[in-house]
Amino acid sequence: FTFPKTKEGPVITHDFVITNTGTDELVISDYKVSCPCTKVILPAPILPGDTGIIQVNFETKGKYYEQDRSIILITNTKKGTEKVRFKVFVIPEED
């Protein structure tokens, strides 16, 4: 997902809609990010055929220019992990 250009300061949010295309319940138990500026709210287990939302919140304060962030999701899928990614260009505050 690519956010529109954003001025430094606010927390920006995006909801990733996830569909369980498997035959078993999808469980996303945890996540890993490279920066504490990114927080994630995980969905409850998702039944086959249903959807869930992964809410990503990014703190733009102190972040400048092109930001490219990946979130590794710890799941019960065959791979054991899945990834979502977002980008945003943060315009620095003027002094």
Protein backbone atom coordinates (compact mmCIF):
# COMPACT_ATOMS: atom_id res chain seq x y z
CA PHE A 1 0.00 0.00 0.00
CA THR A 2 1.25 3.49 -0.79
CA PHE A 3 0.02 6.40 1.32
CA PRO A 4 -0.26 9.84 -0.28
CA LYS A 5 2.52 12.29 0.59
CA THR A 6 2.12 13.17 4.26
CA LYS A 7 3.45 16.03 6.40
CA GLU A 8 5.54 14.92 9.37
CA GLY A 9 3.65 14.67 12.64
CA PRO A 10 0.48 12.60 12.51
CA VAL A 11 0.00 8.89 12.98
CA ILE A 12 -1.29 7.48 9.71
CA THR A 13 -3.38 4.33 9.50
CA HIS A 14 -4.19 1.74 6.88
CA ASP A 15 -6.38 -1.36 7.09
CA PHE A 16 -5.15 -4.39 5.14
CA VAL A 17 -8.10 -6.65 4.35
CA ILE A 18 -7.05 -10.31 4.54
CA THR A 19 -9.15 -13.15 3.10
CA ASN A 20 -8.64 -16.70 4.31
CA THR A 21 -8.55 -18.75 1.11
CA GLY A 22 -7.53 -21.93 2.95
CA THR A 23 -9.55 -24.73 4.47
CA ASP A 24 -8.46 -24.17 8.08
CA GLU A 25 -8.82 -21.23 10.44
CA LEU A 26 -6.14 -18.57 9.77
CA VAL A 27 -4.35 -17.44 12.90
CA ILE A 28 -2.03 -14.43 12.86
CA SER A 29 -0.41 -14.70 16.28
CA ASP A 30 2.26 -11.98 16.19
CA TYR A 31 4.21 -9.58 14.00
CA LYS A 32 7.71 -8.19 13.58
CA VAL A 33 8.66 -4.69 12.48
CA SER A 34 12.04 -2.99 12.19
CA CYS A 35 10.95 0.19 13.96
CA PRO A 36 8.76 0.86 17.01
CA CYS A 37 7.19 3.66 14.95
CA THR A 38 4.97 0.98 13.37
CA LYS A 39 2.20 -0.60 15.45
CA VAL A 40 -0.12 -3.35 14.28
CA ILE A 41 -3.54 -4.49 15.49
CA LEU A 42 -4.08 -8.12 14.52
CA PRO A 43 -7.45 -9.71 13.75
CA ALA A 44 -9.08 -12.58 15.61
CA PRO A 45 -8.68 -15.96 13.90
CA ILE A 46 -10.24 -15.86 10.43
CA LEU A 47 -12.49 -18.72 9.34
CA PRO A 48 -12.14 -20.19 5.83
CA GLY A 49 -13.74 -17.86 3.27
CA ASP A 50 -13.98 -14.98 5.75
CA THR A 51 -12.01 -11.75 5.91
CA GLY A 52 -10.19 -9.95 8.69
CA ILE A 53 -8.44 -6.62 9.04
CA ILE A 54 -4.84 -5.94 9.96
CA GLN A 55 -4.65 -2.32 11.10
CA VAL A 56 -1.25 -0.66 10.65
CA ASN A 57 -0.43 2.61 12.42
CA PHE A 58 2.72 4.53 11.45
CA GLU A 59 4.11 7.42 13.53
CA THR A 60 5.49 10.01 11.10
CA LYS A 61 7.08 12.25 13.75
CA GLY A 62 10.85 12.17 13.26
CA LYS A 63 10.57 10.29 9.96
CA TYR A 64 11.58 12.04 6.76
CA TYR A 65 11.26 11.48 3.03
CA GLU A 66 10.69 8.02 1.53
CA GLN A 67 9.64 5.39 4.08
CA ASP A 68 9.30 1.77 2.97
CA ARG A 69 8.19 -0.59 5.76
CA SER A 70 7.54 -4.31 5.83
CA ILE A 71 5.57 -6.13 8.50
CA ILE A 72 6.29 -9.82 8.97
CA LEU A 73 3.18 -11.64 10.20
CA ILE A 74 3.64 -14.81 12.26
CA THR A 75 0.93 -17.17 11.03
CA ASN A 76 -0.23 -20.77 10.94
CA THR A 77 0.18 -20.87 7.13
CA LYS A 78 2.44 -23.44 5.47
CA LYS A 79 5.23 -20.84 5.21
CA GLY A 80 4.77 -19.76 8.83
CA THR A 81 5.12 -16.09 7.94
CA GLU A 82 3.49 -13.67 5.53
CA LYS A 83 4.35 -10.06 4.72
CA VAL A 84 2.50 -6.80 4.18
CA ARG A 85 4.24 -3.61 3.15
CA PHE A 86 3.55 0.10 2.95
CA LYS A 87 5.31 3.17 1.61
CA VAL A 88 4.93 6.84 2.37
CA PHE A 89 6.82 10.01 1.52
CA VAL A 90 7.00 12.15 4.67
CA ILE A 91 7.44 15.88 4.18
CA PRO A 92 9.61 17.27 7.04
CA GLU A 93 8.22 20.00 9.28
CA GLU A 94 9.67 23.37 8.48
CA ASP A 95 11.69 25.03 11.24
